[in-house]
Protein backbone atom coordinates (compact mmCIF):
# COMPACT_ATOMS: atom_id res chain seq x y z
CA MET A 1 -0.17 0.09 -1.62
CA PRO A 2 3.15 -1.83 -1.65
CA GLU A 3 3.54 -4.80 0.65
CA GLU A 4 6.59 -5.32 2.87
CA ILE A 5 7.10 -8.87 4.14
CA LEU A 6 8.28 -8.60 7.76
CA PHE A 7 8.43 -12.37 8.35
CA LYS A 8 7.62 -15.51 6.41
CA SER A 9 7.89 -19.19 7.26
CA GLU A 10 6.57 -22.06 5.18
CA SER A 11 7.16 -25.73 5.96
CA ARG A 12 5.24 -28.99 5.96
CA GLN A 13 3.99 -29.74 9.50
CA SER A 14 1.71 -32.34 11.05
CA ARG A 15 -1.85 -31.26 11.87
CA GLU A 16 -0.96 -31.60 15.57
CA GLU A 17 2.05 -29.28 15.20
CA ILE A 18 -0.04 -26.70 13.35
CA ALA A 19 -2.74 -26.91 16.06
CA ALA A 20 -0.06 -26.19 18.70
CA TYR A 21 1.03 -23.04 16.81
CA LEU A 22 -2.57 -21.88 16.49
CA ARG A 23 -3.21 -22.55 20.20
CA SER A 24 -0.18 -20.45 21.09
CA VAL A 25 -1.48 -17.56 18.98
CA ALA A 26 -4.96 -17.97 20.51
CA ASP A 27 -3.49 -17.88 24.04
CA LYS A 28 -1.58 -14.67 23.21
CA LEU A 29 -4.75 -13.08 21.77
CA ASP A 30 -6.73 -14.11 24.88
CA SER A 31 -4.19 -12.58 27.24
CA GLY A 32 -3.55 -9.44 25.16
CA GLU A 33 0.15 -10.27 24.87
CA ALA A 34 2.39 -9.51 21.88
CA ILE A 35 2.96 -12.32 19.38
CA THR A 36 6.56 -13.10 18.44
CA LEU A 37 7.22 -15.09 15.27
CA SER A 38 10.71 -16.54 14.84
CA ALA A 39 12.47 -19.04 12.59
CA GLY A 40 16.17 -19.39 12.00
CA GLY A 41 17.73 -15.96 12.51
CA GLU A 42 14.53 -14.05 11.70
CA SER A 43 12.12 -12.71 14.29
CA VAL A 44 9.27 -10.18 14.47
CA THR A 45 7.03 -9.17 17.37
CA MET A 46 3.58 -7.76 16.72
CA GLU A 47 0.89 -6.45 19.07
CA PRO A 48 -2.61 -6.89 17.65
CA PRO A 49 -5.10 -4.34 19.01
CA ALA A 50 -8.18 -5.33 20.99
CA GLN A 51 -10.30 -5.60 17.82
CA PRO A 52 -8.28 -6.39 14.69
CA THR A 53 -10.05 -7.41 11.49
CA PHE A 54 -10.17 -11.22 11.21
CA GLU A 55 -10.20 -12.57 7.66
CA VAL A 56 -10.83 -16.25 6.88
CA LYS A 57 -10.47 -17.52 3.33
CA ALA A 58 -10.81 -20.96 1.72
CA GLU A 59 -9.22 -21.15 -1.73
CA ARG A 60 -8.66 -23.55 -4.58
CA GLU A 61 -5.92 -22.71 -7.07
CA GLY A 62 -5.56 -24.49 -10.38
CA PRO A 63 -7.43 -25.13 -13.60
CA THR A 64 -11.20 -25.63 -13.45
CA GLY A 65 -12.15 -29.30 -13.45
CA ALA A 66 -8.61 -30.52 -12.66
CA PRO A 67 -6.84 -31.21 -9.35
CA GLY A 68 -5.55 -28.06 -7.73
CA GLU A 69 -4.10 -26.77 -4.47
CA LEU A 70 -6.46 -26.11 -1.57
CA SER A 71 -5.80 -23.70 1.29
CA ILE A 72 -7.37 -22.20 4.38
CA GLU A 73 -5.97 -18.81 5.33
CA PHE A 74 -6.43 -16.97 8.63
CA GLU A 75 -5.36 -13.33 8.73
CA LEU A 76 -5.42 -10.62 11.39
CA GLU A 77 -5.28 -7.06 10.02
CA TRP A 78 -5.02 -3.67 11.71
CA ASP A 79 -3.73 -0.18 11.01
CA GLU A 80 -0.27 0.63 12.32
CA GLY A 81 -0.34 2.98 15.26
CA GLY A 82 -4.02 2.61 16.14
CA GLU A 83 -7.12 0.53 16.49
CA ASP A 84 -8.60 -0.79 13.26
CA ASP A 85 -12.19 0.06 12.40
CA ALA A 86 -14.31 -2.88 13.45
CA ALA A 87 -15.63 -4.78 10.45
CA ALA A 88 -19.28 -5.77 10.41
CA ASP A 89 -20.00 -9.03 12.21
CA SER A 90 -20.38 -11.63 9.48
CA GLY A 91 -21.67 -14.38 11.77
CA LEU A 92 -18.56 -16.51 11.10
CA SER A 93 -18.70 -20.08 12.38
CA ILE A 94 -15.78 -22.52 12.40
CA GLU A 95 -16.68 -26.10 13.24
């Protein structure tokens, strides 16, 4: 299925700045409000359903045995126009 990028922003931020963005998203999820992403002249508003699929991924890119690029990715997924099927509870823990 082809992917359409509705919004993208990538910039180096301090850990404190990133935490503030994540707190804002968490507050919107808690209250059931829409989430608006904006940067420059671009903006998109999305309304996650009550139970979207939550994907967490830790990755390392680069050659085996050599320094690479590490990432932690958090993703909310749902079907347009309806509730997403609830994924099985994986017992996720973030400490």
